[in-house]
C-alpha atoms as a PDB file:
ATOM      1  CA  MET A   1       3.129 -38.312 144.486  1.00  0.00           C
ATOM      2  CA  SER A   2      -0.259 -37.078 145.591  1.00  0.00           C
ATOM      3  CA  PHE A   3      -1.486 -33.505 145.670  1.00  0.00           C
ATOM      4  CA  HIS A   4      -3.590 -32.106 148.436  1.00  0.00           C
ATOM      5  CA  PHE A   5      -5.846 -29.047 148.105  1.00  0.00           C
ATOM      6  CA  THR A   6      -7.942 -27.075 150.452  1.00  0.00           C
ATOM      7  CA  ASN A   7     -11.590 -28.115 150.240  1.00  0.00           C
ATOM      8  CA  GLN A   8     -13.658 -25.244 148.840  1.00  0.00           C
ATOM      9  CA  GLY A   9     -16.906 -27.200 148.789  1.00  0.00           C
ATOM     10  CA  GLY A  10     -17.747 -26.665 152.418  1.00  0.00           C
ATOM     11  CA  TYR A  11     -17.392 -30.232 153.749  1.00  0.00           C
ATOM     12  CA  ALA A  12     -14.603 -29.559 156.217  1.00  0.00           C
ATOM     13  CA  LYS A  13     -12.242 -26.682 156.474  1.00  0.00           C
ATOM     14  CA  ASN A  14      -8.648 -27.333 155.504  1.00  0.00           C
ATOM     15  CA  ALA A  15      -9.382 -31.018 154.895  1.00  0.00           C
ATOM     16  CA  PRO A  16      -7.042 -32.577 152.351  1.00  0.00           C
ATOM     17  CA  GLN A  17      -8.687 -33.687 149.136  1.00  0.00           C
ATOM     18  CA  THR A  18      -7.380 -35.503 146.084  1.00  0.00           C
ATOM     19  CA  VAL A  19      -7.902 -34.626 142.437  1.00  0.00           C
ATOM     20  CA  SER A  20     -10.636 -37.272 142.097  1.00  0.00           C
ATOM     21  CA  GLY A  21     -12.466 -35.714 145.016  1.00  0.00           C
ATOM     22  CA  ILE A  22     -12.428 -32.311 143.329  1.00  0.00           C
ATOM     23  CA  GLU A  23     -13.916 -33.802 140.152  1.00  0.00           C
ATOM     24  CA  MET A  24     -16.708 -35.423 142.127  1.00  0.00           C
ATOM     25  CA  GLN A  25     -17.444 -32.115 143.818  1.00  0.00           C
ATOM     26  CA  ARG A  26     -17.629 -30.364 140.444  1.00  0.00           C
ATOM     27  CA  LYS A  27     -20.073 -32.974 139.179  1.00  0.00           C
ATOM     28  CA  ARG A  28     -22.230 -32.467 142.238  1.00  0.00           C
ATOM     29  CA  ASN A  29     -22.277 -28.710 141.675  1.00  0.00           C
ATOM     30  CA  THR A  30     -23.163 -29.187 137.997  1.00  0.00           C
ATOM     31  CA  ASN A  31     -25.990 -31.562 138.858  1.00  0.00           C
ATOM     32  CA  MET A  32     -27.357 -29.127 141.405  1.00  0.00           C
ATOM     33  CA  LYS A  33     -27.336 -26.328 138.828  1.00  0.00           C
ATOM     34  CA  GLN A  34     -29.179 -28.503 136.349  1.00  0.00           C
ATOM     35  CA  ILE A  35     -31.759 -29.467 138.943  1.00  0.00           C
ATOM     36  CA  LEU A  36     -32.293 -25.851 139.922  1.00  0.00           C
ATOM     37  CA  LEU A  37     -32.596 -24.812 136.274  1.00  0.00           C
ATOM     38  CA  ALA A  38     -35.108 -27.568 135.535  1.00  0.00           C
ATOM     39  CA  SER A  39     -37.095 -26.707 138.648  1.00  0.00           C
ATOM     40  CA  THR A  40     -37.148 -23.031 137.727  1.00  0.00           C
ATOM     41  CA  LEU A  41     -38.266 -23.836 134.186  1.00  0.00           C
ATOM     42  CA  ALA A  42     -40.990 -26.174 135.413  1.00  0.00           C
ATOM     43  CA  LEU A  43     -42.108 -23.565 137.910  1.00  0.00           C
ATOM     44  CA  THR A  44     -42.285 -20.804 135.324  1.00  0.00           C
ATOM     45  CA  VAL A  45     -44.112 -22.984 132.788  1.00  0.00           C
ATOM     46  CA  GLY A  46     -46.449 -24.306 135.441  1.00  0.00           C
ATOM     47  CA  CYS A  47     -47.309 -20.783 136.531  1.00  0.00           C
ATOM     48  CA  ALA A  48     -48.183 -19.709 132.968  1.00  0.00           C
ATOM     49  CA  THR A  49     -51.878 -19.977 132.189  1.00  0.00           C
ATOM     50  CA  ALA A  50     -53.296 -19.966 128.674  1.00  0.00           C
ATOM     51  CA  ILE A  51     -56.042 -17.455 127.941  1.00  0.00           C
ATOM     52  CA  MET A  52     -58.270 -17.436 124.864  1.00  0.00           C
ATOM     53  CA  ARG A  53     -59.557 -14.105 123.618  1.00  0.00           C
ATOM     54  CA  PRO A  54     -62.406 -15.184 121.289  1.00  0.00           C
ATOM     55  CA  TYR A  55     -62.879 -13.342 118.027  1.00  0.00           C
ATOM     56  CA  VAL A  56     -66.185 -11.475 118.082  1.00  0.00           C
ATOM     57  CA  GLY A  57     -67.692 -10.176 114.868  1.00  0.00           C
ATOM     58  CA  GLU A  58     -68.339 -11.250 111.305  1.00  0.00           C
ATOM     59  CA  GLN A  59     -65.750 -13.561 109.809  1.00  0.00           C
ATOM     60  CA  GLN A  60     -63.769 -11.942 107.014  1.00  0.00           C
ATOM     61  CA  ALA A  61     -61.886 -13.107 103.934  1.00  0.00           C
ATOM     62  CA  TRP A  62     -58.757 -13.698 106.000  1.00  0.00           C
ATOM     63  CA  PRO A  63     -55.516 -13.637 103.979  1.00  0.00           C
ATOM     64  CA  THR A  64     -53.728 -16.748 102.695  1.00  0.00           C
ATOM     65  CA  VAL A  65     -50.351 -17.273 101.039  1.00  0.00           C
ATOM     66  CA  GLU A  66     -49.026 -19.418  98.221  1.00  0.00           C
ATOM     67  CA  GLY A  67     -46.452 -21.258 100.347  1.00  0.00           C
ATOM     68  CA  SER A  68     -46.699 -22.016 104.079  1.00  0.00           C
ATOM     69  CA  ILE A  69     -44.259 -23.276 106.714  1.00  0.00           C
ATOM     70  CA  VAL A  70     -45.879 -25.536 109.307  1.00  0.00           C
ATOM     71  CA  ASN A  71     -44.519 -27.142 112.459  1.00  0.00           C
ATOM     72  CA  THR A  72     -45.841 -30.712 112.716  1.00  0.00           C
ATOM     73  CA  LYS A  73     -44.263 -31.568 116.058  1.00  0.00           C
ATOM     74  CA  TYR A  74     -47.337 -30.939 118.185  1.00  0.00           C
ATOM     75  CA  GLU A  75     -50.878 -32.240 118.581  1.00  0.00           C
ATOM     76  CA  ILE A  76     -52.206 -29.716 116.079  1.00  0.00           C
ATOM     77  CA  PRO A  77     -50.218 -28.041 113.291  1.00  0.00           C
ATOM     78  CA  ILE A  78     -48.626 -24.684 114.044  1.00  0.00           C
ATOM     79  CA  PHE A  79     -48.102 -22.435 111.033  1.00  0.00           C
ATOM     80  CA  ASN A  80     -45.104 -20.109 111.090  1.00  0.00           C
ATOM     81  CA  SER A  81     -46.775 -18.162 108.272  1.00  0.00           C
ATOM     82  CA  LEU A  82     -50.285 -17.742 106.940  1.00  0.00           C
ATOM     83  CA  PRO A  83     -52.005 -20.967 105.815  1.00  0.00           C
ATOM     84  CA  PRO A  84     -52.777 -21.687 102.148  1.00  0.00           C
ATOM     85  CA  VAL A  85     -56.533 -22.403 102.520  1.00  0.00           C
ATOM     86  CA  PRO A  86     -59.540 -20.405 103.816  1.00  0.00           C
ATOM     87  CA  TYR A  87     -60.176 -20.445 107.552  1.00  0.00           C
ATOM     88  CA  ASP A  88     -62.158 -18.900 110.393  1.00  0.00           C
ATOM     89  CA  VAL A  89     -60.441 -17.120 113.267  1.00  0.00           C
ATOM     90  CA  VAL A  90     -61.441 -18.680 116.590  1.00  0.00           C
ATOM     91  CA  GLY A  91     -59.495 -16.256 118.771  1.00  0.00           C
ATOM     92  CA  GLU A  92     -56.133 -15.064 120.009  1.00  0.00           C
ATOM     93  CA  LEU A  93     -54.149 -17.054 122.570  1.00  0.00           C
ATOM     94  CA  ARG A  94     -52.118 -15.413 125.321  1.00  0.00           C
ATOM     95  CA  VAL A  95     -50.261 -16.523 128.438  1.00  0.00           C
ATOM     96  CA  GLU A  96     -50.851 -15.086 131.866  1.00  0.00           C
ATOM     97  CA  SER A  97     -47.537 -15.153 133.704  1.00  0.00           C
ATOM     98  CA  PRO A  98     -45.548 -12.710 135.824  1.00  0.00           C
ATOM     99  CA  LEU A  99     -42.382 -13.634 133.903  1.00  0.00           C
ATOM    100  CA  TYR A 100     -43.588 -13.509 130.270  1.00  0.00           C
ATOM    101  CA  ALA A 101     -45.311 -10.739 128.385  1.00  0.00           C
ATOM    102  CA  GLN A 102     -46.126 -12.957 125.399  1.00  0.00           C
ATOM    103  CA  PRO A 103     -46.022 -16.678 124.536  1.00  0.00           C
ATOM    104  CA  GLU A 104     -42.777 -18.484 123.834  1.00  0.00           C
ATOM    105  CA  GLU A 105     -41.937 -21.897 122.452  1.00  0.00           C
ATOM    106  CA  HIS A 106     -42.196 -23.789 125.749  1.00  0.00           C
ATOM    107  CA  HIS A 107     -45.763 -22.466 126.152  1.00  0.00           C
ATOM    108  CA  MET A 108     -47.039 -24.199 123.010  1.00  0.00           C
ATOM    109  CA  SER A 109     -48.367 -27.289 124.789  1.00  0.00           C
ATOM    110  CA  THR A 110     -50.361 -25.127 127.182  1.00  0.00           C
ATOM    111  CA  LEU A 111     -51.742 -23.010 124.346  1.00  0.00           C
ATOM    112  CA  ILE A 112     -52.666 -26.074 122.279  1.00  0.00           C
ATOM    113  CA  ALA A 113     -54.626 -27.555 125.169  1.00  0.00           C
ATOM    114  CA  LYS A 114     -56.626 -24.339 125.420  1.00  0.00           C
ATOM    115  CA  ALA A 115     -57.153 -24.190 121.651  1.00  0.00           C
ATOM    116  CA  ARG A 116     -58.515 -27.748 121.571  1.00  0.00           C
ATOM    117  CA  GLN A 117     -61.173 -26.719 124.095  1.00  0.00           C
ATOM    118  CA  PHE A 118     -62.503 -24.354 121.401  1.00  0.00           C
ATOM    119  CA  LYS A 119     -62.242 -27.049 118.679  1.00  0.00           C
ATOM    120  CA  ALA A 120     -59.488 -25.243 116.806  1.00  0.00           C
ATOM    121  CA  HIS A 121     -57.775 -27.066 113.936  1.00  0.00           C
ATOM    122  CA  ALA A 122     -54.454 -25.210 113.940  1.00  0.00           C
ATOM    123  CA  LEU A 123     -52.433 -22.340 115.394  1.00  0.00           C
ATOM    124  CA  VAL A 124     -50.968 -19.541 113.295  1.00  0.00           C
ATOM    125  CA  LEU A 125     -48.179 -17.155 114.301  1.00  0.00           C
ATOM    126  CA  VAL A 126     -48.853 -13.695 112.860  1.00  0.00           C
ATOM    127  CA  ASP A 127     -47.926 -10.089 113.418  1.00  0.00           C
ATOM    128  CA  GLY A 128     -50.886  -8.930 115.450  1.00  0.00           C
ATOM    129  CA  GLN A 129     -50.958  -5.318 114.272  1.00  0.00           C
ATOM    130  CA  LEU A 130     -50.596  -6.210 110.594  1.00  0.00           C
ATOM    131  CA  PHE A 131     -53.086  -9.076 110.721  1.00  0.00           C
ATOM    132  CA  PHE A 132     -55.926  -7.415 112.610  1.00  0.00           C
ATOM    133  CA  GLY A 133     -55.398  -3.952 111.129  1.00  0.00           C
ATOM    134  CA  PRO A 134     -57.039  -3.999 107.668  1.00  0.00           C
ATOM    135  CA  ASN A 135     -60.553  -4.986 106.678  1.00  0.00           C
ATOM    136  CA  TYR A 136     -60.396  -8.002 104.362  1.00  0.00           C
ATOM    137  CA  GLY A 137     -64.003  -7.901 103.215  1.00  0.00           C
ATOM    138  CA  PRO A 138     -66.814 -10.452 103.594  1.00  0.00           C
ATOM    139  CA  ARG A 139     -66.042 -14.144 103.760  1.00  0.00           C
ATOM    140  CA  SER A 140     -68.344 -14.947 100.832  1.00  0.00           C
ATOM    141  CA  SER A 141     -65.692 -13.696  98.415  1.00  0.00           C
ATOM    142  CA  VAL A 142     -63.400 -16.484  99.607  1.00  0.00           C
ATOM    143  CA  LEU A 143     -66.004 -19.222  99.293  1.00  0.00           C
ATOM    144  CA  ASP A 144     -66.883 -18.199  95.755  1.00  0.00           C
ATOM    145  CA  ALA A 145     -63.338 -18.898  94.566  1.00  0.00           C
ATOM    146  CA  SER A 146     -61.968 -22.423  94.925  1.00  0.00           C
ATOM    147  CA  PRO A 147     -58.682 -22.502  96.886  1.00  0.00           C
ATOM    148  CA  THR A 148     -55.568 -23.498  95.032  1.00  0.00           C
ATOM    149  CA  MET A 149     -54.695 -26.765  96.751  1.00  0.00           C
ATOM    150  CA  SER A 150     -51.413 -27.156  94.859  1.00  0.00           C
ATOM    151  CA  ARG A 151     -49.794 -24.436  96.929  1.00  0.00           C
ATOM    152  CA  GLY A 152     -46.556 -25.438  98.623  1.00  0.00           C
ATOM    153  CA  LEU A 153     -46.574 -26.684 102.221  1.00  0.00           C
ATOM    154  CA  THR A 154     -43.188 -27.002 103.934  1.00  0.00           C
ATOM    155  CA  GLN A 155     -43.126 -29.180 107.057  1.00  0.00           C
ATOM    156  CA  VAL A 156     -40.590 -28.489 109.800  1.00  0.00           C
ATOM    157  CA  ASN A 157     -40.096 -29.581 113.410  1.00  0.00           C
ATOM    158  CA  ARG A 158     -38.840 -26.262 114.698  1.00  0.00           C
ATOM    159  CA  PHE A 159     -39.795 -22.631 114.760  1.00  0.00           C
ATOM    160  CA  LEU A 160     -38.258 -19.805 112.816  1.00  0.00           C
ATOM    161  CA  PRO A 161     -35.981 -17.375 114.698  1.00  0.00           C
ATOM    162  CA  GLU A 162     -38.541 -14.582 114.291  1.00  0.00           C
ATOM    163  CA  SER A 163     -41.497 -16.728 115.367  1.00  0.00           C
ATOM    164  CA  PHE A 164     -41.615 -15.295 118.883  1.00  0.00           C
ATOM    165  CA  ARG A 165     -40.314 -11.786 118.324  1.00  0.00           C
ATOM    166  CA  PRO A 166     -42.168  -8.933 120.081  1.00  0.00           C
ATOM    167  CA  GLY A 167     -45.535  -8.255 118.520  1.00  0.00           C
ATOM    168  CA  VAL A 168     -46.196 -11.830 117.359  1.00  0.00           C
ATOM    169  CA  SER A 169     -49.682 -13.118 118.137  1.00  0.00           C
ATOM    170  CA  VAL A 170     -50.839 -16.723 118.300  1.00  0.00           C
ATOM    171  CA  ILE A 171     -54.267 -17.164 116.729  1.00  0.00           C
ATOM    172  CA  ALA A 172     -56.397 -20.296 116.698  1.00  0.00           C
ATOM    173  CA  VAL A 173     -58.115 -21.087 113.394  1.00  0.00           C
ATOM    174  CA  ARG A 174     -60.668 -23.544 112.047  1.00  0.00           C
ATOM    175  CA  TRP A 175     -60.632 -24.720 108.419  1.00  0.00           C
ATOM    176  CA  LEU A 176     -63.612 -23.793 106.262  1.00  0.00           C
ATOM    177  CA  GLU A 177     -63.479 -26.410 103.506  1.00  0.00           C
ATOM    178  CA  GLY A 178     -60.904 -28.859 104.849  1.00  0.00           C
ATOM    179  CA  ALA A 179     -57.282 -28.903 105.969  1.00  0.00           C
ATOM    180  CA  PRO A 180     -54.454 -28.122 103.548  1.00  0.00           C
ATOM    181  CA  GLN A 181     -53.283 -31.112 101.581  1.00  0.00           C
ATOM    182  CA  GLY A 182     -49.849 -32.347 102.565  1.00  0.00           C
ATOM    183  CA  LEU A 183     -50.273 -32.437 106.354  1.00  0.00           C
ATOM    184  CA  PRO A 184     -49.440 -35.693 108.171  1.00  0.00           C
ATOM    185  CA  ALA A 185     -52.230 -38.251 108.491  1.00  0.00           C
ATOM    186  CA  LYS A 186     -52.370 -37.786 112.270  1.00  0.00           C
ATOM    187  CA  TYR A 187     -54.214 -34.503 111.711  1.00  0.00           C
ATOM    188  CA  ASP A 188     -57.006 -36.090 109.665  1.00  0.00           C
ATOM    189  CA  LYS A 189     -59.047 -36.620 112.829  1.00  0.00           C
ATOM    190  CA  LEU A 190     -59.125 -32.841 113.357  1.00  0.00           C
ATOM    191  CA  ALA A 191     -60.374 -32.002 109.873  1.00  0.00           C
ATOM    192  CA  PRO A 192     -60.196 -34.107 106.704  1.00  0.00           C
ATOM    193  CA  PRO A 193     -58.073 -32.683 103.893  1.00  0.00           C
ATOM    194  CA  TYR A 194     -59.861 -30.657 101.288  1.00  0.00           C
ATOM    195  CA  GLN A 195     -60.965 -32.632  98.234  1.00  0.00           C
ATOM    196  CA  PRO A 196     -61.410 -30.335  95.251  1.00  0.00           C
ATOM    197  CA  SER A 197     -64.487 -31.105  93.201  1.00  0.00           C
ATOM    198  CA  ALA A 198     -65.474 -29.753  89.838  1.00  0.00           C
ATOM    199  CA  LYS A 199     -68.219 -27.222  90.308  1.00  0.00           C
ATOM    200  CA  PRO A 200     -70.620 -27.387  87.338  1.00  0.00           C
ATOM    201  CA  LEU A 201     -71.510 -24.126  85.740  1.00  0.00           C
ATOM    202  CA  PRO A 202     -75.134 -23.079  86.202  1.00  0.00           C
ATOM    203  CA  SER A 203     -77.102 -24.210  83.158  1.00  0.00           C
ATOM    204  CA  LYS A 204     -79.748 -22.065  81.565  1.00  0.00           C
ATOM    205  CA  PRO A 205     -83.334 -23.348  81.725  1.00  0.00           C
ATOM    206  CA  ILE A 206     -84.465 -25.126  78.555  1.00  0.00           C
ATOM    207  CA  VAL A 207     -87.470 -23.429  76.945  1.00  0.00           C
ATOM    208  CA  GLU A 208     -89.665 -25.555  74.678  1.00  0.00           C
ATOM    209  CA  THR A 209     -90.311 -23.893  71.339  1.00  0.00           C
ATOM    210  CA  LYS A 210     -93.326 -24.695  69.144  1.00  0.00           C
ATOM    211  CA  PRO A 211     -92.969 -24.861  65.337  1.00  0.00           C
ATOM    212  CA  VAL A 212     -94.081 -21.675  63.631  1.00  0.00           C
ATOM    213  CA  LYS A 213     -96.269 -21.998  60.490  1.00  0.00           C
ATOM    214  CA  PRO A 214     -95.037 -20.039  57.491  1.00  0.00           C
ATOM    215  CA  VAL A 215     -97.146 -16.996  56.745  1.00  0.00           C
ATOM    216  CA  SER A 216     -97.963 -16.381  53.058  1.00  0.00           C
ATOM    217  CA  PRO A 217     -97.611 -12.787  51.923  1.00  0.00           C
ATOM    218  CA  LYS A 218    -100.860 -10.917  51.445  1.00  0.00           C
ATOM    219  CA  PRO A 219    -101.539  -9.120  48.129  1.00  0.00           C
ATOM    220  CA  ALA A 220    -100.742  -5.491  48.126  1.00  0.00           C
ATOM    221  CA  VAL A 221    -103.753  -3.234  48.556  1.00  0.00           C
ATOM    222  CA  PRO A 222    -103.755  -0.121  46.344  1.00  0.00           C
ATOM    223  CA  ALA A 223    -103.517   2.996  48.296  1.00  0.00           C
ATOM    224  CA  VAL A 224    -106.713   5.025  48.456  1.00  0.00           C
ATOM    225  CA  ALA A 225    -106.405   8.731  48.330  1.00  0.00           C
ATOM    226  CA  PRO A 226    -107.909  10.316  51.344  1.00  0.00           C
ATOM    227  CA  LYS A 227    -111.244  11.991  50.824  1.00  0.00           C
ATOM    228  CA  SER A 228    -111.326  15.726  51.153  1.00  0.00           C
ATOM    229  CA  ASN A 229    -114.251  17.641  52.529  1.00  0.00           C
ATOM    230  CA  ILE A 230    -113.335  20.701  50.418  1.00  0.00           C
ATOM    231  CA  SER A 231    -115.357  21.014  47.144  1.00  0.00           C
ATOM    232  CA  PRO A 232    -113.548  22.152  43.992  1.00  0.00           C
ATOM    233  CA  ALA A 233    -113.513  25.893  43.486  1.00  0.00           C
ATOM    234  CA  THR A 234    -115.925  27.358  40.795  1.00  0.00           C
ATOM    235  CA  PRO A 235    -114.692  30.159  38.520  1.00  0.00           C
ATOM    236  CA  ALA A 236    -115.799  33.534  39.739  1.00  0.00           C
ATOM    237  CA  ALA A 237    -118.099  35.655  37.548  1.00  0.00           C
ATOM    238  CA  SER A 238    -116.430  38.508  35.742  1.00  0.00           C
ATOM    239  CA  SER A 239    -117.615  41.942  36.737  1.00  0.00           C
ATOM    240  CA  GLU A 240    -116.852  43.507  33.298  1.00  0.00           C
ATOM    241  CA  ALA A 241    -119.658  43.695  30.625  1.00  0.00           C
ATOM    242  CA  PRO A 242    -119.005  41.876  27.407  1.00  0.00           C
ATOM    243  CA  ALA A 243    -117.887  44.019  24.473  1.00  0.00           C
ATOM    244  CA  PRO A 244    -120.625  44.717  21.741  1.00  0.00           C
ATOM    245  CA  ARG A 245    -120.326  42.612  18.637  1.00  0.00           C
ATOM    246  CA  LYS A 246    -119.881  44.457  15.256  1.00  0.00           C
ATOM    247  CA  LYS A 247    -122.345  43.805  12.445  1.00  0.00           C
ATOM    248  CA  THR A 248    -120.879  42.866   9.101  1.00  0.00           C
ATOM    249  CA  ALA A 249    -122.589  44.196   5.850  1.00  0.00           C
ATOM    250  CA  LYS A 250    -124.238  41.675   3.700  1.00  0.00           C
ATOM    251  CA  PRO A 251    -123.428  41.584  -0.050  1.00  0.00           C
ATOM    252  CA  ASP A 252    -126.904  42.928  -1.196  1.00  0.00           C
ATOM    253  CA  GLU A 253    -126.635  45.926   1.041  1.00  0.00           C
ATOM    254  CA  ALA A 254    -123.309  46.849  -0.437  1.00  0.00           C
ATOM    255  CA  ARG A 255    -124.912  47.375  -3.846  1.00  0.00           C
END
């Protein structure tokens, strides 16, 4: 027994069609939808243009974290969080498209091509308002302290769910003292990994000292009383007349 249905695909009105014919028509419709979806996606991606907004100003001591999550699927690494080593900010990447207000995952190839024109070593996904809000201080404070290269680096081939939430900015960076250790070898051509070296402490200048001859003690000199210009006082003459002396009688006179 065979079943006949009315053709809803538009080939011929009221033409009988078998079950196998209906399945073929469904496959054709599915293929057409896939082609239209792929064409729309290619059109939207092709219409998106990458724009670099260069960072202008003095480089700062940009923040780093102990552990980073990096996507190693692309031509340059893309960090889902702050990197673990010092870096310079090259600029912020945006897409110019009537359909997208900010970059999404399928725009990464276009953004990477633009970043490579500015010799960027990596892309970092950050919260734009939080990242560019504070003043991190001069970059010299970062160079004075050696980066901790033992910080964790987690490699993934996908993005986090919050990677492209509203407010996320894509910044292009360039390593200061080398790429973080732990990245795949294919990124060595961009920037060699940082090799920590022991920095010697500044040594004090050596001053030549000459031998000192012992000094013999000198004999003590008796102290000399200071001379006085004042002559000793003379006794003053008495103003009273001396009392008269009494005469004593001799023995012959007493007879």
